[in-house]
Amino acid sequence: MENKITKEELKKITKYQEDLQKVILDIGVAETKKHAMLHKVAEINNDIEESKKILESKYGQVNINLEDGSYTKVENEEDKKD
């Protein structure tokens, strides 16, 4: 005589395994997307730093209002002494 679980029990366990494999696959896809997005963040941060250098060489150290483009000079300690 062969020992077996019931068909219903087997069906339930098989369904759990299929659900688990799907979730694991979804996590892998999400991690891949996250990795790509982190690379994009680094790329954008590099672009921002390049833009800062260009603007700083043109206008000096300034704070820029991102709504209207106006700017104010950043006062450093040496400027305050004059």
N, C-alpha and C. Protein backbone atom coordinates (compact mmCIF):
# COMPACT_ATOMS: atom_id res chain seq x y z
N MET A 1 0.83 -1.19 0.00
CA MET A 1 0.00 0.00 0.00
C MET A 1 0.87 1.25 0.00
N GLU A 2 0.56 2.17 -0.86
CA GLU A 2 1.32 3.39 -1.04
C GLU A 2 0.75 4.49 -0.14
N ASN A 3 1.65 5.21 0.51
CA ASN A 3 1.21 6.32 1.37
C ASN A 3 1.13 7.59 0.53
N LYS A 4 -0.02 8.24 0.52
CA LYS A 4 -0.22 9.47 -0.23
C LYS A 4 -1.11 10.42 0.55
N ILE A 5 -0.87 11.72 0.31
CA ILE A 5 -1.80 12.70 0.86
C ILE A 5 -3.01 12.75 -0.07
N THR A 6 -4.07 13.40 0.38
CA THR A 6 -5.28 13.47 -0.45
C THR A 6 -5.05 14.37 -1.65
N LYS A 7 -5.87 14.20 -2.66
CA LYS A 7 -5.78 15.04 -3.86
C LYS A 7 -5.99 16.50 -3.51
N GLU A 8 -6.90 16.77 -2.58
CA GLU A 8 -7.17 18.15 -2.16
C GLU A 8 -5.94 18.75 -1.47
N GLU A 9 -5.31 17.98 -0.62
CA GLU A 9 -4.10 18.45 0.07
C GLU A 9 -2.98 18.71 -0.93
N LEU A 10 -2.82 17.81 -1.88
CA LEU A 10 -1.79 17.98 -2.91
C LEU A 10 -2.08 19.21 -3.75
N LYS A 11 -3.34 19.41 -4.10
CA LYS A 11 -3.73 20.58 -4.89
C LYS A 11 -3.43 21.87 -4.13
N LYS A 12 -3.72 21.87 -2.83
CA LYS A 12 -3.46 23.04 -1.99
C LYS A 12 -1.96 23.35 -1.92
N ILE A 13 -1.15 22.33 -1.68
CA ILE A 13 0.31 22.51 -1.58
C ILE A 13 0.89 22.96 -2.92
N THR A 14 0.42 22.35 -4.00
CA THR A 14 0.88 22.73 -5.34
C THR A 14 0.54 24.19 -5.63
N LYS A 15 -0.65 24.63 -5.24
CA LYS A 15 -1.07 26.03 -5.45
C LYS A 15 -0.16 26.97 -4.66
N TYR A 16 0.14 26.61 -3.40
CA TYR A 16 1.05 27.44 -2.59
C TYR A 16 2.42 27.57 -3.27
N GLN A 17 2.93 26.47 -3.79
CA GLN A 17 4.24 26.49 -4.46
C GLN A 17 4.20 27.37 -5.71
N GLU A 18 3.14 27.28 -6.48
CA GLU A 18 3.00 28.12 -7.68
C GLU A 18 2.92 29.59 -7.29
N ASP A 19 2.14 29.89 -6.24
CA ASP A 19 2.03 31.27 -5.77
C ASP A 19 3.37 31.80 -5.30
N LEU A 20 4.10 30.97 -4.57
CA LEU A 20 5.43 31.36 -4.08
C LEU A 20 6.37 31.64 -5.24
N GLN A 21 6.41 30.78 -6.24
CA GLN A 21 7.29 30.98 -7.39
C GLN A 21 6.95 32.27 -8.13
N LYS A 22 5.65 32.58 -8.25
CA LYS A 22 5.24 33.82 -8.91
C LYS A 22 5.72 35.04 -8.14
N VAL A 23 5.56 35.00 -6.81
CA VAL A 23 6.00 36.13 -5.99
C VAL A 23 7.51 36.29 -6.08
N ILE A 24 8.24 35.18 -6.03
CA ILE A 24 9.70 35.25 -6.15
C ILE A 24 10.11 35.85 -7.49
N LEU A 25 9.43 35.45 -8.56
CA LEU A 25 9.70 36.02 -9.88
C LEU A 25 9.40 37.52 -9.89
N ASP A 26 8.27 37.90 -9.31
CA ASP A 26 7.90 39.32 -9.24
C ASP A 26 8.93 40.14 -8.46
N ILE A 27 9.47 39.55 -7.39
CA ILE A 27 10.51 40.24 -6.62
C ILE A 27 11.75 40.43 -7.48
N GLY A 28 12.11 39.43 -8.25
CA GLY A 28 13.27 39.55 -9.15
C GLY A 28 13.07 40.65 -10.17
N VAL A 29 11.88 40.73 -10.73
CA VAL A 29 11.58 41.79 -11.71
C VAL A 29 11.67 43.15 -11.03
N ALA A 30 11.09 43.25 -9.82
CA ALA A 30 11.11 44.52 -9.09
C ALA A 30 12.55 44.93 -8.75
N GLU A 31 13.37 43.98 -8.34
CA GLU A 31 14.76 44.28 -8.01
C GLU A 31 15.53 44.74 -9.25
N THR A 32 15.24 44.13 -10.38
CA THR A 32 15.88 44.55 -11.63
C THR A 32 15.49 45.98 -11.97
N LYS A 33 14.21 46.29 -11.83
CA LYS A 33 13.74 47.66 -12.09
C LYS A 33 14.39 48.63 -11.10
N LYS A 34 14.47 48.23 -9.83
CA LYS A 34 15.09 49.08 -8.82
C LYS A 34 16.54 49.37 -9.19
N HIS A 35 17.26 48.35 -9.62
CA HIS A 35 18.67 48.51 -10.00
C HIS A 35 18.79 49.53 -11.14
N ALA A 36 17.94 49.39 -12.14
CA ALA A 36 17.97 50.32 -13.28
C ALA A 36 17.63 51.73 -12.82
N MET A 37 16.67 51.85 -11.91
CA MET A 37 16.27 53.17 -11.43
C MET A 37 17.38 53.82 -10.61
N LEU A 38 18.11 53.02 -9.84
CA LEU A 38 19.23 53.57 -9.07
C LEU A 38 20.33 54.09 -9.99
N HIS A 39 20.55 53.40 -11.11
CA HIS A 39 21.51 53.89 -12.09
C HIS A 39 21.02 55.22 -12.68
N LYS A 40 19.73 55.33 -12.92
CA LYS A 40 19.15 56.56 -13.47
C LYS A 40 19.31 57.70 -12.47
N VAL A 41 19.10 57.43 -11.17
CA VAL A 41 19.30 58.45 -10.14
C VAL A 41 20.75 58.95 -10.17
N ALA A 42 21.69 58.04 -10.25
CA ALA A 42 23.11 58.43 -10.30
C ALA A 42 23.39 59.28 -11.53
N GLU A 43 22.79 58.91 -12.65
CA GLU A 43 22.98 59.66 -13.90
C GLU A 43 22.41 61.08 -13.76
N ILE A 44 21.23 61.19 -13.19
CA ILE A 44 20.61 62.51 -13.00
C ILE A 44 21.43 63.35 -12.03
N ASN A 45 21.93 62.72 -10.95
CA ASN A 45 22.77 63.46 -10.00
C ASN A 45 24.03 63.97 -10.67
N ASN A 46 24.62 63.19 -11.56
CA ASN A 46 25.79 63.66 -12.31
C ASN A 46 25.43 64.85 -13.19
N ASP A 47 24.27 64.77 -13.86
CA ASP A 47 23.81 65.89 -14.70
C ASP A 47 23.61 67.15 -13.86
N ILE A 48 23.03 66.98 -12.67
CA ILE A 48 22.81 68.13 -11.78
C ILE A 48 24.15 68.75 -11.39
N GLU A 49 25.11 67.93 -11.02
CA GLU A 49 26.42 68.45 -10.62
C GLU A 49 27.10 69.19 -11.77
N GLU A 50 27.00 68.66 -12.98
CA GLU A 50 27.57 69.34 -14.14
C GLU A 50 26.90 70.69 -14.36
N SER A 51 25.58 70.73 -14.24
CA SER A 51 24.84 71.99 -14.41
C SER A 51 25.24 72.99 -13.34
N LYS A 52 25.41 72.50 -12.11
CA LYS A 52 25.82 73.39 -11.00
C LYS A 52 27.17 74.03 -11.32
N LYS A 53 28.11 73.22 -11.84
CA LYS A 53 29.44 73.74 -12.16
C LYS A 53 29.35 74.82 -13.24
N ILE A 54 28.55 74.56 -14.26
CA ILE A 54 28.40 75.53 -15.35
C ILE A 54 27.77 76.82 -14.84
N LEU A 55 26.69 76.69 -14.06
CA LEU A 55 26.02 77.89 -13.53
C LEU A 55 26.92 78.64 -12.55
N GLU A 56 27.66 77.90 -11.73
CA GLU A 56 28.55 78.55 -10.77
C GLU A 56 29.66 79.30 -11.48
N SER A 57 30.17 78.76 -12.58
CA SER A 57 31.23 79.47 -13.31
C SER A 57 30.67 80.74 -13.96
N LYS A 58 29.39 80.74 -14.28
CA LYS A 58 28.77 81.90 -14.92
C LYS A 58 28.27 82.94 -13.91
N TYR A 59 27.63 82.48 -12.81
CA TYR A 59 26.99 83.39 -11.87
C TYR A 59 27.64 83.43 -10.49
N GLY A 60 28.62 82.55 -10.23
CA GLY A 60 29.18 82.44 -8.89
C GLY A 60 28.28 81.55 -8.05
N GLN A 61 28.53 81.54 -6.74
CA GLN A 61 27.69 80.73 -5.87
C GLN A 61 26.38 81.46 -5.61
N VAL A 62 25.29 80.81 -6.04
CA VAL A 62 23.97 81.42 -5.91
C VAL A 62 22.95 80.37 -5.47
N ASN A 63 21.86 80.86 -4.89
CA ASN A 63 20.68 80.04 -4.63
C ASN A 63 19.67 80.41 -5.69
N ILE A 64 19.16 79.41 -6.40
CA ILE A 64 18.25 79.66 -7.52
C ILE A 64 16.82 79.30 -7.10
N ASN A 65 15.90 80.23 -7.37
CA ASN A 65 14.48 79.96 -7.17
C ASN A 65 14.01 79.13 -8.35
N LEU A 66 13.61 77.89 -8.09
CA LEU A 66 13.25 76.98 -9.17
C LEU A 66 11.89 77.31 -9.80
N GLU A 67 11.14 78.20 -9.18
CA GLU A 67 9.84 78.57 -9.75
C GLU A 67 9.97 79.65 -10.81
N ASP A 68 10.85 80.65 -10.57
CA ASP A 68 10.93 81.75 -11.53
C ASP A 68 12.33 82.00 -12.10
N GLY A 69 13.34 81.26 -11.62
CA GLY A 69 14.68 81.41 -12.15
C GLY A 69 15.50 82.53 -11.52
N SER A 70 14.89 83.29 -10.62
CA SER A 70 15.66 84.34 -9.95
C SER A 70 16.69 83.69 -9.03
N TYR A 71 17.72 84.48 -8.70
CA TYR A 71 18.74 83.93 -7.81
C TYR A 71 19.25 85.00 -6.88
N THR A 72 19.82 84.52 -5.76
CA THR A 72 20.49 85.41 -4.81
C THR A 72 21.88 84.86 -4.59
N LYS A 73 22.82 85.77 -4.40
CA LYS A 73 24.20 85.37 -4.14
C LYS A 73 24.30 84.69 -2.78
N VAL A 74 25.15 83.68 -2.71
CA VAL A 74 25.42 83.02 -1.44
C VAL A 74 26.55 83.77 -0.78
N GLU A 75 26.29 84.21 0.45
CA GLU A 75 27.35 84.93 1.18
C GLU A 75 28.19 83.92 1.93
N ASN A 76 29.49 83.99 1.72
CA ASN A 76 30.38 83.14 2.50
C ASN A 76 31.02 83.99 3.59
N GLU A 77 31.79 83.40 4.46
CA GLU A 77 32.38 84.11 5.60
C GLU A 77 33.25 85.29 5.15
N GLU A 78 33.98 85.16 4.04
CA GLU A 78 34.85 86.24 3.58
C GLU A 78 34.02 87.43 3.14
N ASP A 79 32.86 87.19 2.50
CA ASP A 79 31.99 88.29 2.05
C ASP A 79 31.44 89.04 3.24
N LYS A 80 31.16 88.37 4.34
CA LYS A 80 30.58 88.99 5.53
C LYS A 80 31.58 89.92 6.23
N LYS A 81 32.90 89.63 6.07
CA LYS A 81 33.93 90.43 6.74
C LYS A 81 34.13 91.77 6.04
N ASP A 82 33.82 91.86 4.75
CA ASP A 82 34.08 93.10 3.99
C ASP A 82 33.11 94.18 4.34
